[in-house]
Amino acid sequence: MVEILILWQLCQSIGNIAREKGRSATGYQFLLVAMWFGMEFLGGVVGLIATNQNGYAYLLALAGAVGGAIIAFVIAKSRPTALSSGPRGFAVQQNSGVYNPQPPQ
C-alpha cells in the first residue's frame, strides 16, 4: 500500500515537471508507472536467480523500482520545453492591406 502512495506522489511530481515544459503529463506518468513495475519485476527476477533467497530478491526488486523511477525522471527533465506559441509551418509575410496587382505585359 505504501508503494502505491509513493508512486501516486511521484506521478504528481513528474506531471508537474511535464506541465512546466508545456507537455502533456499523461505520457510521462504512464512512463513512470511502466518503468516502476517493469524494473521492479526485472530486479526481483534477477535477485531471485542470483541469490535464491526471497528477502534479497525483494530488496533488489525495490532497487529496480527506484531505478526505473529515476530513469523516468531523467527522461522527463531532459526533454526540451515545447513550443506553446509562435510560428509554426510556413512563414507568413504581413501585407500592408493594399491590393496592387501588376498588369500583365
PDB file of N, CA and C in Angstrom:
ATOM      1  N   MET A   1       0.825  -1.192   0.000  1.00  0.00           N
ATOM      2  CA  MET A   1       0.000   0.000   0.000  1.00  0.00           C
ATOM      3  C   MET A   1       0.873   1.262   0.000  1.00  0.00           C
ATOM      4  N   VAL A   2       1.952   1.222   0.759  1.00  0.00           N
ATOM      5  CA  VAL A   2       2.847   2.378   0.824  1.00  0.00           C
ATOM      6  C   VAL A   2       3.479   2.622  -0.545  1.00  0.00           C
ATOM      7  N   GLU A   3       3.775   1.540  -1.236  1.00  0.00           N
ATOM      8  CA  GLU A   3       4.378   1.655  -2.566  1.00  0.00           C
ATOM      9  C   GLU A   3       3.451   2.395  -3.538  1.00  0.00           C
ATOM     10  N   ILE A   4       2.169   2.132  -3.450  1.00  0.00           N
ATOM     11  CA  ILE A   4       1.203   2.803  -4.330  1.00  0.00           C
ATOM     12  C   ILE A   4       1.106   4.279  -3.987  1.00  0.00           C
ATOM     13  N   LEU A   5       1.147   4.617  -2.705  1.00  0.00           N
ATOM     14  CA  LEU A   5       1.102   6.029  -2.306  1.00  0.00           C
ATOM     15  C   LEU A   5       2.352   6.776  -2.777  1.00  0.00           C
ATOM     16  N   ILE A   6       3.504   6.116  -2.680  1.00  0.00           N
ATOM     17  CA  ILE A   6       4.743   6.727  -3.179  1.00  0.00           C
ATOM     18  C   ILE A   6       4.651   6.940  -4.679  1.00  0.00           C
ATOM     19  N   LEU A   7       4.159   5.933  -5.386  1.00  0.00           N
ATOM     20  CA  LEU A   7       4.016   6.040  -6.835  1.00  0.00           C
ATOM     21  C   LEU A   7       3.034   7.140  -7.209  1.00  0.00           C
ATOM     22  N   TRP A   8       1.983   7.315  -6.428  1.00  0.00           N
ATOM     23  CA  TRP A   8       0.998   8.386  -6.660  1.00  0.00           C
ATOM     24  C   TRP A   8       1.680   9.755  -6.542  1.00  0.00           C
ATOM     25  N   GLN A   9       2.475   9.931  -5.512  1.00  0.00           N
ATOM     26  CA  GLN A   9       3.185  11.202  -5.326  1.00  0.00           C
ATOM     27  C   GLN A   9       4.187  11.445  -6.449  1.00  0.00           C
ATOM     28  N   LEU A  10       4.887  10.395  -6.857  1.00  0.00           N
ATOM     29  CA  LEU A  10       5.857  10.540  -7.939  1.00  0.00           C
ATOM     30  C   LEU A  10       5.164  10.897  -9.257  1.00  0.00           C
ATOM     31  N   CYS A  11       3.983  10.332  -9.481  1.00  0.00           N
ATOM     32  CA  CYS A  11       3.222  10.676 -10.696  1.00  0.00           C
ATOM     33  C   CYS A  11       2.826  12.148 -10.690  1.00  0.00           C
ATOM     34  N   GLN A  12       2.448  12.656  -9.546  1.00  0.00           N
ATOM     35  CA  GLN A  12       2.128  14.079  -9.462  1.00  0.00           C
ATOM     36  C   GLN A  12       3.359  14.937  -9.735  1.00  0.00           C
ATOM     37  N   SER A  13       4.495  14.526  -9.205  1.00  0.00           N
ATOM     38  CA  SER A  13       5.734  15.295  -9.405  1.00  0.00           C
ATOM     39  C   SER A  13       6.172  15.288 -10.863  1.00  0.00           C
ATOM     40  N   ILE A  14       6.152  14.130 -11.498  1.00  0.00           N
ATOM     41  CA  ILE A  14       6.587  14.061 -12.894  1.00  0.00           C
ATOM     42  C   ILE A  14       5.575  14.766 -13.798  1.00  0.00           C
ATOM     43  N   GLY A  15       4.308  14.763 -13.396  1.00  0.00           N
ATOM     44  CA  GLY A  15       3.294  15.509 -14.142  1.00  0.00           C
ATOM     45  C   GLY A  15       3.540  17.007 -14.082  1.00  0.00           C
ATOM     46  N   ASN A  16       3.942  17.500 -12.917  1.00  0.00           N
ATOM     47  CA  ASN A  16       4.253  18.928 -12.779  1.00  0.00           C
ATOM     48  C   ASN A  16       5.465  19.307 -13.626  1.00  0.00           C
ATOM     49  N   ILE A  17       6.453  18.441 -13.677  1.00  0.00           N
ATOM     50  CA  ILE A  17       7.635  18.705 -14.499  1.00  0.00           C
ATOM     51  C   ILE A  17       7.233  18.792 -15.966  1.00  0.00           C
ATOM     52  N   ALA A  18       6.399  17.859 -16.408  1.00  0.00           N
ATOM     53  CA  ALA A  18       5.969  17.854 -17.807  1.00  0.00           C
ATOM     54  C   ALA A  18       5.146  19.093 -18.133  1.00  0.00           C
ATOM     55  N   ARG A  19       4.243  19.481 -17.241  1.00  0.00           N
ATOM     56  CA  ARG A  19       3.409  20.669 -17.487  1.00  0.00           C
ATOM     57  C   ARG A  19       4.241  21.943 -17.527  1.00  0.00           C
ATOM     58  N   GLU A  20       5.276  22.028 -16.693  1.00  0.00           N
ATOM     59  CA  GLU A  20       6.159  23.206 -16.712  1.00  0.00           C
ATOM     60  C   GLU A  20       6.883  23.331 -18.041  1.00  0.00           C
ATOM     61  N   LYS A  21       7.097  22.213 -18.706  1.00  0.00           N
ATOM     62  CA  LYS A  21       7.765  22.221 -20.008  1.00  0.00           C
ATOM     63  C   LYS A  21       6.764  22.350 -21.151  1.00  0.00           C
ATOM     64  N   GLY A  22       5.484  22.521 -20.840  1.00  0.00           N
ATOM     65  CA  GLY A  22       4.468  22.690 -21.865  1.00  0.00           C
ATOM     66  C   GLY A  22       4.074  21.386 -22.531  1.00  0.00           C
ATOM     67  N   ARG A  23       4.242  20.281 -21.842  1.00  0.00           N
ATOM     68  CA  ARG A  23       3.936  18.967 -22.405  1.00  0.00           C
ATOM     69  C   ARG A  23       2.808  18.314 -21.619  1.00  0.00           C
ATOM     70  N   SER A  24       2.222  17.294 -22.227  1.00  0.00           N
ATOM     71  CA  SER A  24       1.153  16.543 -21.575  1.00  0.00           C
ATOM     72  C   SER A  24       1.749  15.659 -20.478  1.00  0.00           C
ATOM     73  N   ALA A  25       1.097  15.644 -19.334  1.00  0.00           N
ATOM     74  CA  ALA A  25       1.615  14.880 -18.204  1.00  0.00           C
ATOM     75  C   ALA A  25       1.314  13.395 -18.317  1.00  0.00           C
ATOM     76  N   THR A  26       0.276  13.023 -19.045  1.00  0.00           N
ATOM     77  CA  THR A  26      -0.188  11.636 -19.068  1.00  0.00           C
ATOM     78  C   THR A  26       0.872  10.672 -19.569  1.00  0.00           C
ATOM     79  N   GLY A  27       1.552  11.001 -20.636  1.00  0.00           N
ATOM     80  CA  GLY A  27       2.566  10.109 -21.189  1.00  0.00           C
ATOM     81  C   GLY A  27       3.718   9.873 -20.233  1.00  0.00           C
ATOM     82  N   TYR A  28       4.143  10.913 -19.545  1.00  0.00           N
ATOM     83  CA  TYR A  28       5.256  10.781 -18.613  1.00  0.00           C
ATOM     84  C   TYR A  28       4.831  10.008 -17.362  1.00  0.00           C
ATOM     85  N   GLN A  29       3.592  10.197 -16.946  1.00  0.00           N
ATOM     86  CA  GLN A  29       3.094   9.432 -15.807  1.00  0.00           C
ATOM     87  C   GLN A  29       2.974   7.948 -16.161  1.00  0.00           C
ATOM     88  N   PHE A  30       2.511   7.666 -17.367  1.00  0.00           N
ATOM     89  CA  PHE A  30       2.453   6.272 -17.810  1.00  0.00           C
ATOM     90  C   PHE A  30       3.859   5.683 -17.895  1.00  0.00           C
ATOM     91  N   LEU A  31       4.807   6.458 -18.402  1.00  0.00           N
ATOM     92  CA  LEU A  31       6.195   6.006 -18.473  1.00  0.00           C
ATOM     93  C   LEU A  31       6.726   5.676 -17.082  1.00  0.00           C
ATOM     94  N   LEU A  32       6.420   6.518 -16.109  1.00  0.00           N
ATOM     95  CA  LEU A  32       6.882   6.293 -14.742  1.00  0.00           C
ATOM     96  C   LEU A  32       6.319   4.991 -14.184  1.00  0.00           C
ATOM     97  N   VAL A  33       5.025   4.773 -14.353  1.00  0.00           N
ATOM     98  CA  VAL A  33       4.400   3.560 -13.819  1.00  0.00           C
ATOM     99  C   VAL A  33       4.956   2.319 -14.527  1.00  0.00           C
ATOM    100  N   ALA A  34       5.111   2.393 -15.847  1.00  0.00           N
ATOM    101  CA  ALA A  34       5.641   1.255 -16.600  1.00  0.00           C
ATOM    102  C   ALA A  34       7.081   0.956 -16.199  1.00  0.00           C
ATOM    103  N   MET A  35       7.885   2.002 -16.049  1.00  0.00           N
ATOM    104  CA  MET A  35       9.276   1.792 -15.650  1.00  0.00           C
ATOM    105  C   MET A  35       9.350   1.250 -14.217  1.00  0.00           C
ATOM    106  N   TRP A  36       8.501   1.757 -13.348  1.00  0.00           N
ATOM    107  CA  TRP A  36       8.486   1.318 -11.955  1.00  0.00           C
ATOM    108  C   TRP A  36       8.220  -0.186 -11.869  1.00  0.00           C
ATOM    109  N   PHE A  37       7.106  -0.621 -12.463  1.00  0.00           N
ATOM    110  CA  PHE A  37       6.735  -2.030 -12.350  1.00  0.00           C
ATOM    111  C   PHE A  37       7.621  -2.936 -13.203  1.00  0.00           C
ATOM    112  N   GLY A  38       8.031  -2.454 -14.364  1.00  0.00           N
ATOM    113  CA  GLY A  38       8.911  -3.256 -15.211  1.00  0.00           C
ATOM    114  C   GLY A  38      10.256  -3.510 -14.568  1.00  0.00           C
ATOM    115  N   MET A  39      10.855  -2.460 -14.042  1.00  0.00           N
ATOM    116  CA  MET A  39      12.162  -2.618 -13.405  1.00  0.00           C
ATOM    117  C   MET A  39      12.045  -3.346 -12.066  1.00  0.00           C
ATOM    118  N   GLU A  40      10.912  -3.193 -11.396  1.00  0.00           N
ATOM    119  CA  GLU A  40      10.706  -3.940 -10.154  1.00  0.00           C
ATOM    120  C   GLU A  40      10.642  -5.440 -10.446  1.00  0.00           C
ATOM    121  N   PHE A  41       9.917  -5.810 -11.483  1.00  0.00           N
ATOM    122  CA  PHE A  41       9.835  -7.218 -11.879  1.00  0.00           C
ATOM    123  C   PHE A  41      11.207  -7.746 -12.277  1.00  0.00           C
ATOM    124  N   LEU A  42      11.899  -6.966 -13.104  1.00  0.00           N
ATOM    125  CA  LEU A  42      13.223  -7.384 -13.553  1.00  0.00           C
ATOM    126  C   LEU A  42      14.194  -7.530 -12.380  1.00  0.00           C
ATOM    127  N   GLY A  43      14.162  -6.579 -11.457  1.00  0.00           N
ATOM    128  CA  GLY A  43      15.028  -6.664 -10.274  1.00  0.00           C
ATOM    129  C   GLY A  43      14.696  -7.866  -9.413  1.00  0.00           C
ATOM    130  N   GLY A  44      13.422  -8.172  -9.285  1.00  0.00           N
ATOM    131  CA  GLY A  44      13.026  -9.339  -8.499  1.00  0.00           C
ATOM    132  C   GLY A  44      13.476 -10.636  -9.137  1.00  0.00           C
ATOM    133  N   VAL A  45      13.332 -10.743 -10.443  1.00  0.00           N
ATOM    134  CA  VAL A  45      13.763 -11.960 -11.141  1.00  0.00           C
ATOM    135  C   VAL A  45      15.276 -12.118 -11.038  1.00  0.00           C
ATOM    136  N   VAL A  46      16.007 -11.043 -11.287  1.00  0.00           N
ATOM    137  CA  VAL A  46      17.467 -11.111 -11.197  1.00  0.00           C
ATOM    138  C   VAL A  46      17.898 -11.444  -9.771  1.00  0.00           C
ATOM    139  N   GLY A  47      17.241 -10.829  -8.793  1.00  0.00           N
ATOM    140  CA  GLY A  47      17.580 -11.107  -7.397  1.00  0.00           C
ATOM    141  C   GLY A  47      17.283 -12.535  -7.004  1.00  0.00           C
ATOM    142  N   LEU A  48      16.183 -13.096  -7.500  1.00  0.00           N
ATOM    143  CA  LEU A  48      15.848 -14.478  -7.176  1.00  0.00           C
ATOM    144  C   LEU A  48      16.813 -15.452  -7.840  1.00  0.00           C
ATOM    145  N   ILE A  49      17.191 -15.159  -9.068  1.00  0.00           N
ATOM    146  CA  ILE A  49      18.146 -16.025  -9.759  1.00  0.00           C
ATOM    147  C   ILE A  49      19.531 -15.931  -9.121  1.00  0.00           C
ATOM    148  N   ALA A  50      19.955 -14.720  -8.789  1.00  0.00           N
ATOM    149  CA  ALA A  50      21.312 -14.525  -8.273  1.00  0.00           C
ATOM    150  C   ALA A  50      21.476 -15.037  -6.848  1.00  0.00           C
ATOM    151  N   THR A  51      20.474 -14.826  -5.991  1.00  0.00           N
ATOM    152  CA  THR A  51      20.646 -15.166  -4.581  1.00  0.00           C
ATOM    153  C   THR A  51      19.844 -16.376  -4.143  1.00  0.00           C
ATOM    154  N   ASN A  52      18.759 -16.663  -4.820  1.00  0.00           N
ATOM    155  CA  ASN A  52      17.861 -17.768  -4.481  1.00  0.00           C
ATOM    156  C   ASN A  52      17.275 -17.598  -3.075  1.00  0.00           C
ATOM    157  N   GLN A  53      17.147 -16.330  -2.644  1.00  0.00           N
ATOM    158  CA  GLN A  53      16.543 -16.024  -1.348  1.00  0.00           C
ATOM    159  C   GLN A  53      15.506 -14.928  -1.564  1.00  0.00           C
ATOM    160  N   ASN A  54      14.350 -15.126  -0.985  1.00  0.00           N
ATOM    161  CA  ASN A  54      13.249 -14.185  -1.215  1.00  0.00           C
ATOM    162  C   ASN A  54      13.530 -12.796  -0.651  1.00  0.00           C
ATOM    163  N   GLY A  55      14.193 -12.710   0.475  1.00  0.00           N
ATOM    164  CA  GLY A  55      14.460 -11.410   1.086  1.00  0.00           C
ATOM    165  C   GLY A  55      15.335 -10.531   0.212  1.00  0.00           C
ATOM    166  N   TYR A  56      16.404 -11.107  -0.295  1.00  0.00           N
ATOM    167  CA  TYR A  56      17.293 -10.350  -1.169  1.00  0.00           C
ATOM    168  C   TYR A  56      16.625 -10.038  -2.515  1.00  0.00           C
ATOM    169  N   ALA A  57      15.823 -10.965  -2.983  1.00  0.00           N
ATOM    170  CA  ALA A  57      15.109 -10.734  -4.237  1.00  0.00           C
ATOM    171  C   ALA A  57      14.154  -9.553  -4.094  1.00  0.00           C
ATOM    172  N   TYR A  58      13.503  -9.442  -2.931  1.00  0.00           N
ATOM    173  CA  TYR A  58      12.585  -8.326  -2.702  1.00  0.00           C
ATOM    174  C   TYR A  58      13.348  -7.001  -2.628  1.00  0.00           C
ATOM    175  N   LEU A  59      14.501  -7.015  -1.981  1.00  0.00           N
ATOM    176  CA  LEU A  59      15.311  -5.793  -1.912  1.00  0.00           C
ATOM    177  C   LEU A  59      15.779  -5.361  -3.301  1.00  0.00           C
ATOM    178  N   LEU A  60      16.186  -6.320  -4.126  1.00  0.00           N
ATOM    179  CA  LEU A  60      16.597  -5.977  -5.488  1.00  0.00           C
ATOM    180  C   LEU A  60      15.403  -5.539  -6.330  1.00  0.00           C
ATOM    181  N   ALA A  61      14.229  -6.062  -6.046  1.00  0.00           N
ATOM    182  CA  ALA A  61      13.025  -5.611  -6.752  1.00  0.00           C
ATOM    183  C   ALA A  61      12.728  -4.153  -6.413  1.00  0.00           C
ATOM    184  N   LEU A  62      12.847  -3.797  -5.148  1.00  0.00           N
ATOM    185  CA  LEU A  62      12.633  -2.394  -4.752  1.00  0.00           C
ATOM    186  C   LEU A  62      13.704  -1.483  -5.348  1.00  0.00           C
ATOM    187  N   ALA A  63      14.939  -1.966  -5.389  1.00  0.00           N
ATOM    188  CA  ALA A  63      16.011  -1.185  -6.009  1.00  0.00           C
ATOM    189  C   ALA A  63      15.724  -0.982  -7.497  1.00  0.00           C
ATOM    190  N   GLY A  64      15.205  -2.011  -8.141  1.00  0.00           N
ATOM    191  CA  GLY A  64      14.833  -1.879  -9.551  1.00  0.00           C
ATOM    192  C   GLY A  64      13.725  -0.871  -9.744  1.00  0.00           C
ATOM    193  N   ALA A  65      12.743  -0.857  -8.845  1.00  0.00           N
ATOM    194  CA  ALA A  65      11.639   0.106  -8.943  1.00  0.00           C
ATOM    195  C   ALA A  65      12.154   1.535  -8.799  1.00  0.00           C
ATOM    196  N   VAL A  66      13.040   1.741  -7.842  1.00  0.00           N
ATOM    197  CA  VAL A  66      13.621   3.079  -7.652  1.00  0.00           C
ATOM    198  C   VAL A  66      14.443   3.472  -8.873  1.00  0.00           C
ATOM    199  N   GLY A  67      15.191   2.531  -9.412  1.00  0.00           N
ATOM    200  CA  GLY A  67      15.977   2.810 -10.616  1.00  0.00           C
ATOM    201  C   GLY A  67      15.087   3.163 -11.797  1.00  0.00           C
ATOM    202  N   GLY A  68      13.973   2.468 -11.943  1.00  0.00           N
ATOM    203  CA  GLY A  68      13.033   2.788 -13.015  1.00  0.00           C
ATOM    204  C   GLY A  68      12.443   4.179 -12.860  1.00  0.00           C
ATOM    205  N   ALA A  69      12.132   4.561 -11.620  1.00  0.00           N
ATOM    206  CA  ALA A  69      11.601   5.902 -11.368  1.00  0.00           C
ATOM    207  C   ALA A  69      12.650   6.969 -11.689  1.00  0.00           C
ATOM    208  N   ILE A  70      13.883   6.711 -11.324  1.00  0.00           N
ATOM    209  CA  ILE A  70      14.958   7.667 -11.608  1.00  0.00           C
ATOM    210  C   ILE A  70      15.119   7.839 -13.113  1.00  0.00           C
ATOM    211  N   ILE A  71      15.077   6.746 -13.856  1.00  0.00           N
ATOM    212  CA  ILE A  71      15.198   6.827 -15.315  1.00  0.00           C
ATOM    213  C   ILE A  71      14.047   7.640 -15.907  1.00  0.00           C
ATOM    214  N   ALA A  72      12.829   7.418 -15.412  1.00  0.00           N
ATOM    215  CA  ALA A  72      11.669   8.169 -15.917  1.00  0.00           C
ATOM    216  C   ALA A  72      11.821   9.665 -15.628  1.00  0.00           C
ATOM    217  N   PHE A  73      12.312  10.018 -14.450  1.00  0.00           N
ATOM    218  CA  PHE A  73      12.501  11.433 -14.125  1.00  0.00           C
ATOM    219  C   PHE A  73      13.617  12.050 -14.955  1.00  0.00           C
ATOM    220  N   VAL A  74      14.674  11.303 -15.205  1.00  0.00           N
ATOM    221  CA  VAL A  74      15.767  11.825 -16.045  1.00  0.00           C
ATOM    222  C   VAL A  74      15.243  12.097 -17.456  1.00  0.00           C
ATOM    223  N   ILE A  75      14.422  11.196 -17.981  1.00  0.00           N
ATOM    224  CA  ILE A  75      13.845  11.395 -19.312  1.00  0.00           C
ATOM    225  C   ILE A  75      12.953  12.632 -19.321  1.00  0.00           C
ATOM    226  N   ALA A  76      12.111  12.773 -18.315  1.00  0.00           N
ATOM    227  CA  ALA A  76      11.190  13.922 -18.264  1.00  0.00           C
ATOM    228  C   ALA A  76      11.949  15.243 -18.128  1.00  0.00           C
ATOM    229  N   LYS A  77      12.985  15.258 -17.315  1.00  0.00           N
ATOM    230  CA  LYS A  77      13.728  16.502 -17.111  1.00  0.00           C
ATOM    231  C   LYS A  77      14.624  16.846 -18.293  1.00  0.00           C
ATOM    232  N   SER A  78      15.027  15.853 -19.064  1.00  0.00           N
ATOM    233  CA  SER A  78      15.927  16.132 -20.180  1.00  0.00           C
ATOM    234  C   SER A  78      15.191  16.561 -21.441  1.00  0.00           C
ATOM    235  N   ARG A  79      13.879  16.428 -21.480  1.00  0.00           N
ATOM    236  CA  ARG A  79      13.120  16.840 -22.654  1.00  0.00           C
ATOM    237  C   ARG A  79      13.100  18.365 -22.743  1.00  0.00           C
ATOM    238  N   PRO A  80      13.239  18.923 -23.944  1.00  0.00           N
ATOM    239  CA  PRO A  80      13.206  20.381 -24.073  1.00  0.00           C
ATOM    240  C   PRO A  80      11.789  20.910 -23.889  1.00  0.00           C
ATOM    241  N   THR A  81      11.708  22.181 -23.626  1.00  0.00           N
ATOM    242  CA  THR A  81      10.414  22.831 -23.481  1.00  0.00           C
ATOM    243  C   THR A  81       9.712  22.866 -24.824  1.00  0.00           C
ATOM    244  N   ALA A  82       8.432  22.519 -24.818  1.00  0.00           N
ATOM    245  CA  ALA A  82       7.653  22.512 -26.056  1.00  0.00           C
ATOM    246  C   ALA A  82       7.273  23.943 -26.434  1.00  0.00           C
ATOM    247  N   LEU A  83       7.166  24.181 -27.720  1.00  0.00           N
ATOM    248  CA  LEU A  83       6.728  25.496 -28.178  1.00  0.00           C
ATOM    249  C   LEU A  83       5.227  25.601 -27.981  1.00  0.00           C
ATOM    250  N   SER A  84       4.808  26.498 -27.119  1.00  0.00           N
ATOM    251  CA  SER A  84       3.377  26.644 -26.885  1.00  0.00           C
ATOM    252  C   SER A  84       2.767  27.682 -27.813  1.00  0.00           C
ATOM    253  N   SER A  85       3.576  28.613 -28.270  1.00  0.00           N
ATOM    254  CA  SER A  85       3.076  29.607 -29.209  1.00  0.00           C
ATOM    255  C   SER A  85       4.234  30.019 -30.109  1.00  0.00           C
ATOM    256  N   GLY A  86       3.900  30.733 -31.133  1.00  0.00           N
ATOM    257  CA  GLY A  86       4.931  31.173 -32.048  1.00  0.00           C
ATOM    258  C   GLY A  86       4.704  30.623 -33.427  1.00  0.00           C
ATOM    259  N   PRO A  87       5.607  30.924 -34.321  1.00  0.00           N
ATOM    260  CA  PRO A  87       5.400  30.494 -35.702  1.00  0.00           C
ATOM    261  C   PRO A  87       5.498  28.981 -35.856  1.00  0.00           C
ATOM    262  N   ARG A  88       4.593  28.461 -36.653  1.00  0.00           N
ATOM    263  CA  ARG A  88       4.603  27.046 -36.992  1.00  0.00           C
ATOM    264  C   ARG A  88       4.334  26.933 -38.475  1.00  0.00           C
ATOM    265  N   GLY A  89       4.948  26.014 -39.110  1.00  0.00           N
ATOM    266  CA  GLY A  89       4.709  25.813 -40.528  1.00  0.00           C
ATOM    267  C   GLY A  89       5.473  26.830 -41.359  1.00  0.00           C
ATOM    268  N   PHE A  90       4.837  27.299 -42.425  1.00  0.00           N
ATOM    269  CA  PHE A  90       5.478  28.236 -43.332  1.00  0.00           C
ATOM    270  C   PHE A  90       5.437  29.647 -42.775  1.00  0.00           C
ATOM    271  N   ALA A  91       6.434  30.425 -43.143  1.00  0.00           N
ATOM    272  CA  ALA A  91       6.470  31.812 -42.708  1.00  0.00           C
ATOM    273  C   ALA A  91       5.396  32.611 -43.447  1.00  0.00           C
ATOM    274  N   VAL A  92       4.745  33.488 -42.726  1.00  0.00           N
ATOM    275  CA  VAL A  92       3.701  34.323 -43.302  1.00  0.00           C
ATOM    276  C   VAL A  92       4.215  35.755 -43.313  1.00  0.00           C
ATOM    277  N   GLN A  93       4.125  36.396 -44.478  1.00  0.00           N
ATOM    278  CA  GLN A  93       4.555  37.777 -44.571  1.00  0.00           C
ATOM    279  C   GLN A  93       3.356  38.681 -44.383  1.00  0.00           C
ATOM    280  N   GLN A  94       3.566  39.737 -43.654  1.00  0.00           N
ATOM    281  CA  GLN A  94       2.481  40.675 -43.395  1.00  0.00           C
ATOM    282  C   GLN A  94       2.220  41.521 -44.638  1.00  0.00           C
ATOM    283  N   ASN A  95       0.967  41.789 -44.881  1.00  0.00           N
ATOM    284  CA  ASN A  95       0.548  42.587 -46.028  1.00  0.00           C
ATOM    285  C   ASN A  95       0.142  43.972 -45.539  1.00  0.00           C
ATOM    286  N   SER A  96       0.397  44.996 -46.351  1.00  0.00           N
ATOM    287  CA  SER A  96       0.052  46.342 -45.960  1.00  0.00           C
ATOM    288  C   SER A  96      -1.445  46.616 -46.075  1.00  0.00           C
ATOM    289  N   GLY A  97      -2.183  45.695 -46.692  1.00  0.00           N
ATOM    290  CA  GLY A  97      -3.609  45.886 -46.841  1.00  0.00           C
ATOM    291  C   GLY A  97      -4.010  46.477 -48.167  1.00  0.00           C
ATOM    292  N   VAL A  98      -3.046  46.874 -48.948  1.00  0.00           N
ATOM    293  CA  VAL A  98      -3.328  47.494 -50.254  1.00  0.00           C
ATOM    294  C   VAL A  98      -3.104  46.445 -51.324  1.00  0.00           C
ATOM    295  N   TYR A  99      -4.130  46.254 -52.161  1.00  0.00           N
ATOM    296  CA  TYR A  99      -4.005  45.279 -53.244  1.00  0.00           C
ATOM    297  C   TYR A  99      -3.477  46.030 -54.454  1.00  0.00           C
ATOM    298  N   ASN A 100      -2.309  45.646 -54.937  1.00  0.00           N
ATOM    299  CA  ASN A 100      -1.675  46.320 -56.047  1.00  0.00           C
ATOM    300  C   ASN A 100      -1.191  45.272 -57.040  1.00  0.00           C
ATOM    301  N   PRO A 101      -2.109  44.754 -57.866  1.00  0.00           N
ATOM    302  CA  PRO A 101      -1.652  43.752 -58.837  1.00  0.00           C
ATOM    303  C   PRO A 101      -0.857  44.390 -59.953  1.00  0.00           C
ATOM    304  N   GLN A 102       0.084  43.667 -60.444  1.00  0.00           N
ATOM    305  CA  GLN A 102       0.873  44.127 -61.583  1.00  0.00           C
ATOM    306  C   GLN A 102       0.126  43.736 -62.853  1.00  0.00           C
ATOM    307  N   PRO A 103      -0.041  44.684 -63.768  1.00  0.00           N
ATOM    308  CA  PRO A 103      -0.722  44.346 -65.025  1.00  0.00           C
ATOM    309  C   PRO A 103       0.167  43.430 -65.880  1.00  0.00           C
ATOM    310  N   PRO A 104      -0.434  42.487 -66.593  1.00  0.00           N
ATOM    311  CA  PRO A 104       0.383  41.613 -67.444  1.00  0.00           C
ATOM    312  C   PRO A 104       1.034  42.407 -68.561  1.00  0.00           C
ATOM    313  N   GLN A 105       2.222  42.031 -68.939  1.00  0.00           N
ATOM    314  CA  GLN A 105       2.938  42.741 -70.005  1.00  0.00           C
ATOM    315  C   GLN A 105       3.125  41.875 -71.187  1.00  0.00           C
TER     316      GLN A 105
END
